[in-house]
Each structure stands twice: as structure tokens, then as C-alpha cells.
N, C-alpha and C. Protein backbone atom coordinates (compact mmCIF):
# COMPACT_ATOMS: atom_id res chain seq x y z
N MET A 1 -8.57 -7.03 -32.41
CA MET A 1 -8.45 -6.43 -31.10
C MET A 1 -9.48 -7.03 -30.14
N THR A 2 -10.67 -7.27 -30.60
CA THR A 2 -11.72 -7.84 -29.75
C THR A 2 -11.34 -9.23 -29.27
N ALA A 3 -10.74 -10.03 -30.14
CA ALA A 3 -10.32 -11.38 -29.77
C ALA A 3 -9.27 -11.32 -28.66
N ALA A 4 -8.33 -10.39 -28.77
CA ALA A 4 -7.29 -10.24 -27.75
C ALA A 4 -7.90 -9.83 -26.41
N LYS A 5 -8.83 -8.90 -26.43
CA LYS A 5 -9.49 -8.48 -25.19
C LYS A 5 -10.24 -9.64 -24.56
N GLU A 6 -10.90 -10.43 -25.38
CA GLU A 6 -11.65 -11.57 -24.88
C GLU A 6 -10.72 -12.59 -24.22
N ILE A 7 -9.61 -12.87 -24.87
CA ILE A 7 -8.65 -13.82 -24.32
C ILE A 7 -8.06 -13.29 -23.00
N LEU A 8 -7.66 -12.03 -23.01
CA LEU A 8 -7.04 -11.45 -21.82
C LEU A 8 -8.03 -11.29 -20.66
N SER A 9 -9.29 -11.11 -20.95
CA SER A 9 -10.29 -10.95 -19.89
C SER A 9 -10.47 -12.23 -19.08
N SER A 10 -10.08 -13.35 -19.64
CA SER A 10 -10.22 -14.62 -18.92
C SER A 10 -8.95 -14.99 -18.15
N VAL A 11 -7.93 -14.17 -18.27
CA VAL A 11 -6.65 -14.43 -17.60
C VAL A 11 -6.53 -13.50 -16.41
N GLY A 12 -5.94 -14.00 -15.35
CA GLY A 12 -5.72 -13.15 -14.19
C GLY A 12 -6.47 -13.66 -12.98
N ASP A 13 -6.22 -13.03 -11.90
CA ASP A 13 -6.80 -13.43 -10.62
C ASP A 13 -7.39 -12.18 -9.97
N THR A 14 -8.68 -12.15 -9.78
CA THR A 14 -9.34 -10.96 -9.24
C THR A 14 -8.88 -10.65 -7.83
N ALA A 15 -8.55 -11.67 -7.04
CA ALA A 15 -8.06 -11.43 -5.67
C ALA A 15 -6.70 -10.73 -5.72
N VAL A 16 -5.82 -11.22 -6.57
CA VAL A 16 -4.50 -10.61 -6.69
C VAL A 16 -4.63 -9.18 -7.21
N ASP A 17 -5.53 -8.96 -8.13
CA ASP A 17 -5.77 -7.62 -8.63
C ASP A 17 -6.18 -6.69 -7.49
N ALA A 18 -7.06 -7.14 -6.62
CA ALA A 18 -7.50 -6.33 -5.47
C ALA A 18 -6.33 -6.08 -4.53
N HIS A 19 -5.50 -7.09 -4.30
CA HIS A 19 -4.33 -6.93 -3.42
C HIS A 19 -3.42 -5.83 -3.95
N VAL A 20 -3.10 -5.92 -5.23
CA VAL A 20 -2.18 -4.95 -5.85
C VAL A 20 -2.78 -3.55 -5.82
N ARG A 21 -4.06 -3.43 -6.09
CA ARG A 21 -4.69 -2.10 -6.10
C ARG A 21 -4.70 -1.48 -4.71
N ALA A 22 -4.94 -2.28 -3.67
CA ALA A 22 -4.91 -1.76 -2.29
C ALA A 22 -3.51 -1.32 -1.92
N GLU A 23 -2.51 -2.16 -2.22
CA GLU A 23 -1.12 -1.83 -1.89
C GLU A 23 -0.65 -0.59 -2.63
N ARG A 24 -0.95 -0.51 -3.91
CA ARG A 24 -0.52 0.65 -4.71
C ARG A 24 -1.19 1.94 -4.25
N THR A 25 -2.44 1.87 -3.87
CA THR A 25 -3.13 3.06 -3.38
C THR A 25 -2.48 3.56 -2.11
N LEU A 26 -2.17 2.65 -1.19
CA LEU A 26 -1.50 3.04 0.05
C LEU A 26 -0.16 3.70 -0.26
N LEU A 27 0.63 3.08 -1.11
CA LEU A 27 1.94 3.65 -1.46
C LEU A 27 1.80 5.02 -2.11
N ALA A 28 0.82 5.19 -2.96
CA ALA A 28 0.61 6.47 -3.62
C ALA A 28 0.21 7.54 -2.61
N LYS A 29 -0.67 7.21 -1.69
CA LYS A 29 -1.12 8.18 -0.68
C LYS A 29 0.02 8.60 0.24
N LEU A 30 0.94 7.67 0.51
CA LEU A 30 2.08 7.99 1.37
C LEU A 30 3.26 8.55 0.57
N HIS A 31 3.10 8.61 -0.74
CA HIS A 31 4.18 9.03 -1.63
C HIS A 31 5.40 8.15 -1.41
N GLY A 32 5.14 6.87 -1.21
CA GLY A 32 6.21 5.90 -1.01
C GLY A 32 6.75 5.46 -2.35
N GLY A 33 8.01 5.18 -2.37
CA GLY A 33 8.64 4.73 -3.60
C GLY A 33 9.83 3.86 -3.25
N CYS A 34 10.72 3.73 -4.18
CA CYS A 34 11.89 2.86 -3.99
C CYS A 34 12.82 3.36 -2.90
N SER A 35 12.84 4.65 -2.63
CA SER A 35 13.77 5.19 -1.64
C SER A 35 13.16 5.32 -0.25
N ALA A 36 11.90 4.99 -0.10
CA ALA A 36 11.22 5.09 1.20
C ALA A 36 10.91 3.71 1.74
N PRO A 37 11.27 3.45 2.98
CA PRO A 37 11.00 2.13 3.56
C PRO A 37 9.53 1.97 3.97
N VAL A 38 8.70 1.79 2.97
CA VAL A 38 7.27 1.57 3.17
C VAL A 38 6.96 0.18 2.63
N GLY A 39 6.34 -0.63 3.46
CA GLY A 39 5.96 -1.97 3.02
C GLY A 39 4.46 -2.14 3.12
N ALA A 40 3.89 -2.85 2.18
CA ALA A 40 2.46 -3.12 2.19
C ALA A 40 2.22 -4.54 1.70
N TYR A 41 1.28 -5.20 2.34
CA TYR A 41 0.95 -6.58 1.98
C TYR A 41 -0.54 -6.78 2.16
N ALA A 42 -1.20 -7.27 1.13
CA ALA A 42 -2.64 -7.52 1.21
C ALA A 42 -2.91 -9.00 1.04
N LYS A 43 -3.99 -9.45 1.67
CA LYS A 43 -4.41 -10.84 1.49
C LYS A 43 -5.92 -10.92 1.64
N THR A 44 -6.48 -11.94 1.04
CA THR A 44 -7.91 -12.19 1.13
C THR A 44 -8.15 -13.22 2.21
N GLY A 45 -9.07 -12.92 3.11
CA GLY A 45 -9.38 -13.83 4.20
C GLY A 45 -10.34 -14.92 3.79
N PRO A 46 -10.50 -15.92 4.65
CA PRO A 46 -11.40 -17.03 4.33
C PRO A 46 -12.86 -16.58 4.15
N ASP A 47 -13.20 -15.43 4.75
CA ASP A 47 -14.56 -14.91 4.62
C ASP A 47 -14.71 -14.03 3.38
N GLY A 48 -13.62 -13.89 2.59
CA GLY A 48 -13.68 -13.08 1.38
C GLY A 48 -13.32 -11.62 1.60
N SER A 49 -13.03 -11.23 2.83
CA SER A 49 -12.65 -9.84 3.08
C SER A 49 -11.20 -9.62 2.66
N LEU A 50 -10.85 -8.37 2.45
CA LEU A 50 -9.50 -7.99 2.07
C LEU A 50 -8.83 -7.35 3.28
N SER A 51 -7.65 -7.85 3.63
CA SER A 51 -6.88 -7.28 4.73
C SER A 51 -5.60 -6.69 4.16
N LEU A 52 -5.26 -5.49 4.66
CA LEU A 52 -4.07 -4.80 4.21
C LEU A 52 -3.20 -4.50 5.43
N PHE A 53 -1.94 -4.88 5.33
CA PHE A 53 -0.96 -4.65 6.39
C PHE A 53 0.08 -3.70 5.83
N ALA A 54 0.54 -2.73 6.62
CA ALA A 54 1.54 -1.79 6.13
C ALA A 54 2.44 -1.34 7.26
N GLN A 55 3.65 -0.93 6.86
CA GLN A 55 4.62 -0.45 7.84
C GLN A 55 5.51 0.59 7.19
N VAL A 56 5.84 1.62 7.96
CA VAL A 56 6.80 2.65 7.56
C VAL A 56 7.87 2.67 8.64
N THR A 57 9.13 2.61 8.21
CA THR A 57 10.24 2.55 9.15
C THR A 57 11.26 3.62 8.82
N SER A 58 11.83 4.24 9.84
CA SER A 58 12.90 5.21 9.61
C SER A 58 14.11 4.48 9.05
N LEU A 59 14.99 5.22 8.40
CA LEU A 59 16.16 4.61 7.77
C LEU A 59 17.06 3.89 8.77
N ASP A 60 17.12 4.42 10.00
CA ASP A 60 17.97 3.78 11.01
C ASP A 60 17.23 2.68 11.78
N GLY A 61 15.96 2.49 11.48
CA GLY A 61 15.17 1.45 12.13
C GLY A 61 14.68 1.81 13.52
N ALA A 62 14.97 3.01 13.98
CA ALA A 62 14.60 3.42 15.34
C ALA A 62 13.11 3.70 15.48
N ARG A 63 12.47 4.15 14.40
CA ARG A 63 11.03 4.46 14.45
C ARG A 63 10.30 3.59 13.46
N ARG A 64 9.14 3.11 13.92
CA ARG A 64 8.32 2.25 13.06
C ARG A 64 6.86 2.52 13.36
N VAL A 65 6.09 2.66 12.30
CA VAL A 65 4.64 2.81 12.42
C VAL A 65 4.02 1.72 11.56
N ALA A 66 3.12 0.94 12.14
CA ALA A 66 2.49 -0.16 11.41
C ALA A 66 1.00 -0.15 11.66
N GLY A 67 0.26 -0.72 10.74
CA GLY A 67 -1.18 -0.81 10.90
C GLY A 67 -1.79 -1.85 9.99
N THR A 68 -3.02 -2.19 10.31
CA THR A 68 -3.78 -3.17 9.54
C THR A 68 -5.22 -2.71 9.47
N LEU A 69 -5.83 -2.90 8.32
CA LEU A 69 -7.26 -2.66 8.16
C LEU A 69 -7.83 -3.76 7.27
N SER A 70 -9.11 -4.02 7.44
CA SER A 70 -9.81 -4.98 6.59
C SER A 70 -11.06 -4.33 6.04
N GLY A 71 -11.48 -4.80 4.88
CA GLY A 71 -12.68 -4.27 4.26
C GLY A 71 -13.12 -5.15 3.12
N PRO A 72 -14.12 -4.69 2.40
CA PRO A 72 -14.63 -5.48 1.27
C PRO A 72 -13.60 -5.61 0.15
N VAL A 73 -13.50 -6.78 -0.41
CA VAL A 73 -12.54 -7.03 -1.49
C VAL A 73 -12.86 -6.18 -2.72
N GLY A 74 -14.08 -5.74 -2.84
CA GLY A 74 -14.49 -4.92 -3.98
C GLY A 74 -14.12 -3.46 -3.86
N GLU A 75 -13.51 -3.05 -2.74
CA GLU A 75 -13.13 -1.65 -2.55
C GLU A 75 -11.66 -1.53 -2.13
N PRO A 76 -10.73 -2.05 -2.92
CA PRO A 76 -9.34 -2.05 -2.50
C PRO A 76 -8.72 -0.66 -2.40
N GLU A 77 -9.10 0.25 -3.29
CA GLU A 77 -8.55 1.61 -3.22
C GLU A 77 -9.00 2.32 -1.96
N LYS A 78 -10.24 2.11 -1.60
CA LYS A 78 -10.77 2.72 -0.37
C LYS A 78 -10.01 2.21 0.85
N LEU A 79 -9.72 0.92 0.87
CA LEU A 79 -8.98 0.31 1.97
C LEU A 79 -7.55 0.86 2.03
N GLY A 80 -6.88 0.93 0.88
CA GLY A 80 -5.52 1.46 0.84
C GLY A 80 -5.45 2.90 1.31
N ALA A 81 -6.40 3.72 0.88
CA ALA A 81 -6.43 5.13 1.28
C ALA A 81 -6.70 5.26 2.78
N ALA A 82 -7.61 4.44 3.29
CA ALA A 82 -7.96 4.51 4.72
C ALA A 82 -6.78 4.11 5.60
N LEU A 83 -6.05 3.07 5.20
CA LEU A 83 -4.90 2.66 6.00
C LEU A 83 -3.79 3.70 5.90
N ALA A 84 -3.61 4.31 4.75
CA ALA A 84 -2.61 5.38 4.62
C ALA A 84 -2.93 6.52 5.57
N GLU A 85 -4.20 6.92 5.63
CA GLU A 85 -4.61 7.99 6.55
C GLU A 85 -4.36 7.60 8.01
N LYS A 86 -4.64 6.35 8.33
CA LYS A 86 -4.40 5.86 9.69
C LYS A 86 -2.91 5.96 10.03
N LEU A 87 -2.06 5.56 9.10
CA LEU A 87 -0.62 5.62 9.34
C LEU A 87 -0.13 7.07 9.44
N ILE A 88 -0.69 7.95 8.61
CA ILE A 88 -0.34 9.38 8.69
C ILE A 88 -0.71 9.92 10.07
N ASP A 89 -1.89 9.57 10.56
CA ASP A 89 -2.32 10.01 11.88
C ASP A 89 -1.41 9.50 12.99
N GLN A 90 -0.73 8.37 12.73
CA GLN A 90 0.16 7.78 13.74
C GLN A 90 1.60 8.28 13.60
N GLY A 91 1.88 9.16 12.64
CA GLY A 91 3.20 9.77 12.58
C GLY A 91 4.09 9.42 11.42
N THR A 92 3.58 8.78 10.38
CA THR A 92 4.45 8.42 9.27
C THR A 92 4.96 9.63 8.50
N ARG A 93 4.20 10.70 8.50
CA ARG A 93 4.60 11.88 7.73
C ARG A 93 5.98 12.37 8.19
N SER A 94 6.22 12.41 9.51
CA SER A 94 7.52 12.90 9.99
C SER A 94 8.65 11.94 9.59
N ILE A 95 8.38 10.64 9.59
CA ILE A 95 9.39 9.67 9.17
C ILE A 95 9.73 9.88 7.70
N LEU A 96 8.70 9.96 6.86
CA LEU A 96 8.92 10.11 5.43
C LEU A 96 9.54 11.46 5.08
N ASP A 97 9.13 12.53 5.78
CA ASP A 97 9.73 13.85 5.53
C ASP A 97 11.21 13.85 5.88
N ALA A 98 11.58 13.17 6.96
CA ALA A 98 12.99 13.08 7.35
C ALA A 98 13.79 12.33 6.30
N ILE A 99 13.22 11.27 5.76
CA ILE A 99 13.91 10.49 4.73
C ILE A 99 14.08 11.33 3.47
N ARG A 100 13.05 12.04 3.09
CA ARG A 100 13.15 12.88 1.89
C ARG A 100 14.16 13.99 2.09
N GLY A 101 14.25 14.53 3.30
CA GLY A 101 15.24 15.57 3.61
C GLY A 101 16.65 15.02 3.51
N GLU A 102 16.86 13.81 3.99
CA GLU A 102 18.17 13.17 3.91
C GLU A 102 18.54 12.88 2.47
N SER A 103 17.55 12.47 1.66
CA SER A 103 17.81 12.18 0.25
C SER A 103 18.21 13.44 -0.51
N ALA A 104 17.55 14.56 -0.19
CA ALA A 104 17.85 15.81 -0.86
C ALA A 104 19.27 16.28 -0.52
N VAL A 105 19.68 16.08 0.73
CA VAL A 105 21.02 16.50 1.16
C VAL A 105 22.09 15.65 0.48
N SER A 106 21.82 14.37 0.30
CA SER A 106 22.84 13.47 -0.26
C SER A 106 22.99 13.58 -1.77
N ARG A 107 22.13 14.31 -2.43
CA ARG A 107 22.21 14.45 -3.89
C ARG A 107 23.30 15.38 -4.30
């Protein structure tokens, strides 16, 4: 088991790991999933900072809330949570609640 851990610890990309963790945290905070039009994209800047871009869109495309935040690459969860809160403050909750209401009716 130790040999496997050692081999696996040398595989992977720490930047990609930070990107995924930031994106997943944002999606979790917004309760976004396969049925909710929530998009998130993270990238590492030339200065080593982590930038997270996200958007929530109504099913008909009439309403859209988008935002971007940057922060330290070592705190991806903090960045994802902060951007989720920013999007909530801008009105994503009503978009997502409407989508969930429509999903419940169509079941």
C-alpha cells in the first residue's frame, strides 16, 4: 500500500487539483448539478493566482448572473465559496429555485 501511495503522490497536477476544488465548491454551495445550468471554470494566472469564473442561467436563457473572483491558488475552496456567495447576492437563488420548481412539476 505504501508503494502505491508513493507512486500516486507523484502523479497529478496541483494547479488542476485547485481548479477542480474551486469549481466543485462553487457548485456545491449553489446546489448545482446536472439539471441546473450552472457553469464554472477556473484557471491559474501567470502570477500564480487562481481565477474562478461562473455563470447561472435560467432555462429559457432570459436571465443570467455571472461573476469572477481571484485569490490564492492554495485556497480554492475559499474562492469557490466566496464566488458562490457573490452570485447568490446577485440573484442566482431565484433562478435556481425556479428551475427546481419546474423540475418538481415535470416529475
